[in-house]
Amino acid sequence: MSLPSSLLRFVLLSGGWHQAAVCALSIVVFMLNTAPIETQRRIIDTAVHVGSARAILTLVGLQIGLVLAYGLAKLAMNVYRAWLGECATRDLRLVVTQRLEHMGEEPSDLANGTGLAMILAEADDIGAFVGSSLSLPIVEIGFLASIFIYLAFLDLRMMGASLLILAPQFVFVPLMQRAINRRVAQRTRLLRRFGDEILSPSKAESSAPRLDEVFAVDIGVFEIKFSLNFLMNLTYSLGSLLVLGIGCVLAVRGQTEIATVVTFLSATTKIVDPWNDVVDWARGFAMTTVKYDLVVRALDTLPDDAAP
């Protein structure tokens, strides 16, 4: 009937060995996602050098097998993640519900709107993050690392150009994310107060303005979030153009092959979604930590004599 003091401890205690299993599956997923880049390069290279049709068809068959294996492994991982998330949501709701039941007639904010918000909304958000909290960064960061190691093996100069795509984001992403986190914490507190007010007849008339405050905070979050997406997409577009320009210059000078340029362009496209997922995960981790801390603090306000 108590929660760990930190979100990470809650993740480990709630998932147990299942978190280790889904992390192992995540390693398989990112390895299967990386392999088709090399087979694609070999298909193009074989065609450019007028290789046999049989060799090309063999590589195509291998590519299809890798894509299918990746899809099935990712399906299993996603289902496993969802199950872990629902287990965490159930555990969190159970703790809050048991605390409410053992409070009896003790007066506390936990017995009204705050408790209701934690059971219905906040538990969903926290549980959904717990399911992918460890496996998602393993998949995406592992894939990104393997991509850049592979690109460095092909051409170190073009790999450096590819890294420039992500460099500016290390500056503006943390700054904008901190602004989002402050608004998320404010929104959570406002919704709790709103729940308290609508459940209290004496405060019911004053609850309407609270919705205007929530609305203003939500709009602020959307403005920052969409501005962040705009800046990230802009860096991707400029980065792809940089890779294409450098690759074509090197190809004209005979310092690289067309197949390598195509591979870099393909890899540059493939790092967009994983990097976005990493940024979203970092954003989710920060926001979920805020929400989890608020839940723990609310439970800590329970009088000692109300606990069983």
Protein backbone atom coordinates (compact mmCIF):
# COMPACT_ATOMS: atom_id res chain seq x y z
CA MET A 1 0.00 0.00 0.00
CA SER A 2 2.95 2.33 -0.53
CA LEU A 3 4.74 3.51 -3.66
CA PRO A 4 8.51 3.62 -4.25
CA SER A 5 9.98 7.09 -3.89
CA SER A 6 11.20 7.28 -7.51
CA LEU A 7 9.68 6.44 -10.89
CA LEU A 8 12.61 4.18 -11.82
CA ARG A 9 12.12 2.03 -8.71
CA PHE A 10 8.42 1.77 -9.49
CA VAL A 11 9.26 0.63 -13.05
CA LEU A 12 11.60 -2.08 -11.78
CA LEU A 13 9.30 -3.29 -9.00
CA SER A 14 6.19 -3.27 -11.17
CA GLY A 15 7.74 -5.03 -14.17
CA GLY A 16 10.13 -7.39 -12.43
CA TRP A 17 11.85 -9.87 -14.71
CA HIS A 18 9.39 -9.03 -17.49
CA GLN A 19 11.26 -5.74 -18.01
CA ALA A 20 14.46 -7.76 -18.62
CA ALA A 21 12.62 -10.00 -21.10
CA VAL A 22 11.17 -7.12 -23.09
CA CYS A 23 14.59 -5.41 -23.12
CA ALA A 24 16.16 -8.56 -24.58
CA LEU A 25 13.46 -8.62 -27.23
CA SER A 26 14.23 -4.96 -27.93
CA ILE A 27 17.84 -5.83 -28.77
CA VAL A 28 16.61 -8.36 -31.35
CA VAL A 29 14.29 -5.72 -32.83
CA PHE A 30 16.93 -3.04 -33.40
CA MET A 31 19.40 -5.58 -34.86
CA LEU A 32 16.77 -6.80 -37.33
CA ASN A 33 15.95 -3.19 -38.19
CA THR A 34 19.60 -2.41 -39.01
CA ALA A 35 20.42 -5.42 -41.19
CA PRO A 36 18.25 -4.46 -44.23
CA ILE A 37 20.35 -1.32 -44.80
CA GLU A 38 23.34 -3.44 -45.77
CA THR A 39 21.31 -5.81 -47.95
CA GLN A 40 19.82 -2.79 -49.74
CA ARG A 41 23.30 -1.44 -50.43
CA ARG A 42 24.40 -4.79 -51.80
CA ILE A 43 21.37 -5.01 -54.09
CA ILE A 44 22.14 -1.57 -55.56
CA ASP A 45 25.86 -2.31 -55.78
CA THR A 46 25.20 -5.62 -57.56
CA ALA A 47 22.89 -3.92 -60.07
CA VAL A 48 25.34 -1.04 -60.74
CA HIS A 49 28.18 -3.45 -61.38
CA VAL A 50 25.96 -5.58 -63.64
CA GLY A 51 25.82 -8.57 -61.35
CA SER A 52 23.72 -11.66 -61.96
CA ALA A 53 19.96 -11.54 -61.64
CA ARG A 54 20.14 -14.61 -59.43
CA ALA A 55 22.34 -12.79 -56.91
CA ILE A 56 19.96 -9.83 -56.89
CA LEU A 57 16.92 -12.06 -56.35
CA THR A 58 18.72 -13.87 -53.52
CA LEU A 59 19.44 -10.57 -51.81
CA VAL A 60 15.82 -9.45 -52.36
CA GLY A 61 14.59 -12.67 -50.75
CA LEU A 62 16.92 -12.10 -47.80
CA GLN A 63 15.62 -8.53 -47.50
CA ILE A 64 12.02 -9.75 -47.42
CA GLY A 65 12.89 -12.29 -44.72
CA LEU A 66 14.58 -9.64 -42.59
CA VAL A 67 11.66 -7.23 -42.96
CA LEU A 68 9.17 -9.95 -42.00
CA ALA A 69 11.23 -11.06 -38.99
CA TYR A 70 11.56 -7.45 -37.86
CA GLY A 71 7.81 -6.87 -38.16
CA LEU A 72 6.93 -9.97 -36.13
CA ALA A 73 9.51 -9.21 -33.43
CA LYS A 74 8.28 -5.63 -33.14
CA LEU A 75 4.67 -6.85 -32.91
CA ALA A 76 5.58 -9.16 -30.02
CA MET A 77 7.52 -6.37 -28.31
CA ASN A 78 4.65 -3.89 -28.61
CA VAL A 79 2.13 -6.36 -27.17
CA TYR A 80 4.52 -7.15 -24.31
CA ARG A 81 5.01 -3.44 -23.63
CA ALA A 82 1.26 -2.82 -23.56
CA TRP A 83 0.76 -5.69 -21.10
CA LEU A 84 3.47 -4.30 -18.81
CA GLY A 85 1.88 -0.86 -18.96
CA GLU A 86 -1.55 -2.16 -18.04
CA CYS A 87 -0.06 -4.13 -15.13
CA ALA A 88 1.60 -0.96 -13.83
CA THR A 89 -1.65 1.01 -14.22
CA ARG A 90 -3.54 -1.64 -12.26
CA ASP A 91 -0.92 -1.68 -9.49
CA LEU A 92 -0.95 2.11 -9.19
CA ARG A 93 -4.75 2.30 -9.08
CA LEU A 94 -4.83 -0.49 -6.50
CA VAL A 95 -2.48 1.38 -4.17
CA VAL A 96 -4.46 4.62 -4.42
CA THR A 97 -7.80 2.80 -4.03
CA GLN A 98 -6.63 0.90 -0.94
CA ARG A 99 -5.38 4.12 0.62
CA LEU A 100 -8.76 5.75 0.03
CA GLU A 101 -10.61 2.77 1.49
CA HIS A 102 -8.52 2.75 4.67
CA MET A 103 -8.88 6.46 5.29
CA GLY A 104 -12.39 6.12 6.62
CA GLU A 105 -13.70 9.51 7.67
CA GLU A 106 -10.28 11.18 7.79
CA PRO A 107 -10.48 14.60 6.05
CA SER A 108 -7.94 14.84 3.26
CA ASP A 109 -7.63 16.08 -0.31
CA LEU A 110 -6.88 12.48 -1.27
CA ALA A 111 -10.49 11.56 -0.56
CA ASN A 112 -11.99 13.89 -3.15
CA GLY A 113 -10.94 15.25 -6.53
CA THR A 114 -7.23 14.53 -6.11
CA GLY A 115 -7.81 10.84 -5.44
CA LEU A 116 -10.25 10.60 -8.34
CA ALA A 117 -7.78 12.24 -10.73
CA MET A 118 -4.99 9.87 -9.66
CA ILE A 119 -7.14 6.77 -10.12
CA LEU A 120 -8.68 7.68 -13.48
CA ALA A 121 -6.23 9.86 -15.42
CA GLU A 122 -2.80 10.03 -13.83
CA ALA A 123 -2.49 6.27 -13.39
CA ASP A 124 -3.12 5.77 -17.11
CA ASP A 125 -0.36 8.19 -18.08
CA ILE A 126 2.17 6.69 -15.69
CA GLY A 127 1.30 3.09 -16.56
CA ALA A 128 1.50 3.72 -20.30
CA PHE A 129 5.04 5.02 -19.88
CA VAL A 130 6.15 2.16 -17.63
CA GLY A 131 5.48 -0.41 -20.38
CA SER A 132 8.11 1.07 -22.70
CA SER A 133 10.24 2.94 -20.18
CA LEU A 134 13.30 0.68 -20.50
CA SER A 135 12.80 -1.14 -23.81
CA LEU A 136 12.12 1.92 -25.98
CA PRO A 137 15.48 3.65 -25.41
CA ILE A 138 17.23 0.30 -25.92
CA VAL A 139 15.55 -0.16 -29.30
CA GLU A 140 15.99 3.36 -30.60
CA ILE A 141 19.38 4.25 -29.16
CA GLY A 142 20.71 0.82 -30.09
CA PHE A 143 19.48 1.29 -33.65
CA LEU A 144 20.95 4.79 -33.91
CA ALA A 145 24.30 3.61 -32.54
CA SER A 146 24.44 0.67 -34.94
CA ILE A 147 23.52 2.94 -37.87
CA PHE A 148 26.28 5.44 -37.16
CA ILE A 149 28.86 2.70 -36.55
CA TYR A 150 27.89 1.15 -39.89
CA LEU A 151 28.04 4.53 -41.68
CA ALA A 152 31.45 5.24 -40.15
CA PHE A 153 32.66 1.94 -41.57
CA LEU A 154 31.41 2.94 -45.05
CA ASP A 155 32.62 6.57 -45.10
CA LEU A 156 33.76 8.52 -42.06
CA ARG A 157 33.36 11.93 -43.76
CA MET A 158 29.74 11.38 -44.69
CA MET A 159 29.02 9.92 -41.27
CA GLY A 160 30.22 13.21 -39.78
CA ALA A 161 27.81 15.07 -42.06
CA SER A 162 25.00 12.79 -40.88
CA LEU A 163 25.76 13.60 -37.25
CA LEU A 164 25.34 17.31 -38.01
CA ILE A 165 21.63 16.56 -38.54
CA LEU A 166 21.18 15.89 -34.83
CA ALA A 167 23.70 18.36 -33.37
CA PRO A 168 21.41 21.46 -33.20
CA GLN A 169 18.72 19.45 -31.43
CA PHE A 170 20.95 18.94 -28.40
CA VAL A 171 20.60 22.69 -27.83
CA PHE A 172 16.93 23.54 -28.35
CA VAL A 173 15.25 20.25 -27.37
CA PRO A 174 16.23 20.32 -23.63
CA LEU A 175 15.33 24.00 -23.30
CA MET A 176 11.88 23.59 -24.82
CA GLN A 177 11.25 20.35 -22.94
CA ARG A 178 11.84 22.02 -19.58
CA ALA A 179 9.23 24.61 -20.51
CA ILE A 180 6.76 21.81 -21.33
CA ASN A 181 7.49 20.04 -18.03
CA ARG A 182 6.64 23.16 -16.01
CA ARG A 183 3.29 23.44 -17.79
CA VAL A 184 2.50 19.74 -17.32
CA ALA A 185 3.01 20.03 -13.56
CA GLN A 186 0.85 23.15 -13.48
CA ARG A 187 -1.88 21.42 -15.52
CA THR A 188 -1.95 18.42 -13.17
CA ARG A 189 -2.35 20.64 -10.12
CA LEU A 190 -5.12 22.65 -11.79
CA LEU A 191 -7.09 19.52 -12.70
CA ARG A 192 -6.81 18.26 -9.12
CA ARG A 193 -8.15 21.55 -7.81
CA PHE A 194 -10.94 21.41 -10.36
CA GLY A 195 -11.87 17.92 -9.14
CA ASP A 196 -11.89 19.14 -5.55
CA GLU A 197 -14.11 22.09 -6.43
CA ILE A 198 -16.77 20.22 -8.41
CA LEU A 199 -17.07 17.64 -5.64
CA SER A 200 -17.52 20.37 -3.03
CA PRO A 201 -20.94 22.10 -3.14
CA SER A 202 -19.53 25.26 -1.57
CA LYS A 203 -16.88 25.59 -4.29
CA ALA A 204 -18.89 24.40 -7.31
CA GLU A 205 -19.58 27.91 -8.56
CA SER A 206 -15.87 28.80 -8.62
CA SER A 207 -14.80 25.74 -10.62
CA ALA A 208 -15.58 27.12 -14.10
CA PRO A 209 -12.68 29.63 -14.23
CA ARG A 210 -10.33 26.76 -13.46
CA LEU A 211 -11.12 25.28 -16.88
CA ASP A 212 -9.98 28.51 -18.53
CA GLU A 213 -6.67 28.17 -16.72
CA VAL A 214 -6.30 24.55 -17.90
CA PHE A 215 -7.16 25.67 -21.44
CA ALA A 216 -4.46 28.35 -21.39
CA VAL A 217 -1.85 25.89 -20.11
CA ASP A 218 -2.80 23.28 -22.73
CA ILE A 219 -2.49 25.83 -25.54
CA GLY A 220 0.93 26.81 -24.24
CA VAL A 221 2.04 23.17 -24.28
CA PHE A 222 0.81 22.70 -27.85
CA GLU A 223 2.58 25.84 -29.03
CA ILE A 224 5.91 24.71 -27.61
CA LYS A 225 5.43 21.11 -28.76
CA PHE A 226 4.60 22.01 -32.37
CA SER A 227 7.41 24.60 -32.48
CA LEU A 228 9.75 21.83 -31.33
CA ASN A 229 8.50 19.55 -34.10
CA PHE A 230 9.00 22.33 -36.66
CA LEU A 231 12.62 22.88 -35.62
CA MET A 232 13.35 19.15 -35.64
CA ASN A 233 11.87 18.68 -39.13
CA LEU A 234 13.84 21.68 -40.37
CA THR A 235 17.13 20.20 -39.16
CA TYR A 236 16.27 16.86 -40.82
CA SER A 237 15.59 18.52 -44.17
CA LEU A 238 18.76 20.61 -44.10
CA GLY A 239 20.78 17.63 -42.92
CA SER A 240 19.54 15.38 -45.74
CA LEU A 241 20.44 18.09 -48.26
CA LEU A 242 23.92 18.32 -46.74
CA VAL A 243 24.44 14.55 -46.96
CA LEU A 244 23.22 14.51 -50.57
CA GLY A 245 25.49 17.41 -51.57
CA ILE A 246 28.62 15.96 -49.94
CA GLY A 247 27.88 12.48 -51.27
CA CYS A 248 27.39 13.64 -54.86
CA VAL A 249 30.62 15.70 -54.77
CA LEU A 250 32.55 12.68 -53.50
CA ALA A 251 30.94 10.46 -56.16
CA VAL A 252 31.89 12.88 -58.96
CA ARG A 253 35.47 12.88 -57.71
CA GLY A 254 35.49 9.10 -57.61
CA GLN A 255 35.98 9.02 -53.85
CA THR A 256 32.81 7.05 -53.14
CA GLU A 257 30.20 4.98 -54.96
CA ILE A 258 26.62 5.76 -55.88
CA ALA A 259 25.45 2.79 -53.79
CA THR A 260 27.12 4.34 -50.76
CA VAL A 261 25.43 7.72 -51.37
CA VAL A 262 22.04 6.01 -51.67
CA THR A 263 22.73 4.06 -48.49
CA PHE A 264 23.55 7.26 -46.59
CA LEU A 265 20.38 8.92 -47.82
CA SER A 266 18.36 5.87 -46.79
CA ALA A 267 20.05 5.75 -43.39
CA THR A 268 19.50 9.48 -42.90
CA THR A 269 15.79 8.93 -43.51
CA LYS A 270 15.71 5.95 -41.15
CA ILE A 271 17.25 7.82 -38.21
CA VAL A 272 14.44 10.39 -38.18
CA ASP A 273 11.78 8.20 -36.54
CA PRO A 274 14.12 6.59 -33.97
CA TRP A 275 15.50 9.96 -32.95
CA ASN A 276 11.99 11.40 -32.67
CA ASP A 277 11.08 8.41 -30.51
CA VAL A 278 14.08 9.06 -28.26
CA VAL A 279 13.07 12.72 -27.89
CA ASP A 280 9.46 11.68 -27.18
CA TRP A 281 10.70 9.15 -24.63
CA ALA A 282 12.81 11.78 -22.89
CA ARG A 283 9.80 14.10 -22.94
CA GLY A 284 7.56 11.33 -21.59
CA PHE A 285 10.08 10.41 -18.90
CA ALA A 286 10.29 14.00 -17.70
CA MET A 287 6.52 14.50 -17.68
CA THR A 288 5.79 11.10 -16.11
CA THR A 289 8.36 11.74 -13.39
CA VAL A 290 6.57 14.98 -12.57
CA LYS A 291 3.19 13.21 -12.43
CA TYR A 292 4.54 10.28 -10.40
CA ASP A 293 6.16 12.62 -7.87
CA LEU A 294 2.86 14.45 -7.49
CA VAL A 295 1.06 11.15 -6.82
CA VAL A 296 3.67 10.09 -4.24
CA ARG A 297 3.46 13.47 -2.53
CA ALA A 298 -0.33 13.29 -2.42
CA LEU A 299 -0.18 9.84 -0.80
CA ASP A 300 2.43 11.09 1.68
CA THR A 301 -0.09 13.65 2.95
CA LEU A 302 -2.23 10.79 4.27
CA PRO A 303 -2.33 10.91 8.09
CA ASP A 304 -0.32 8.13 9.71
CA ASP A 305 -3.27 6.93 11.75
CA ALA A 306 -5.33 6.46 8.56
CA ALA A 307 -3.03 3.76 7.26
CA PRO A 308 -3.87 0.18 8.27
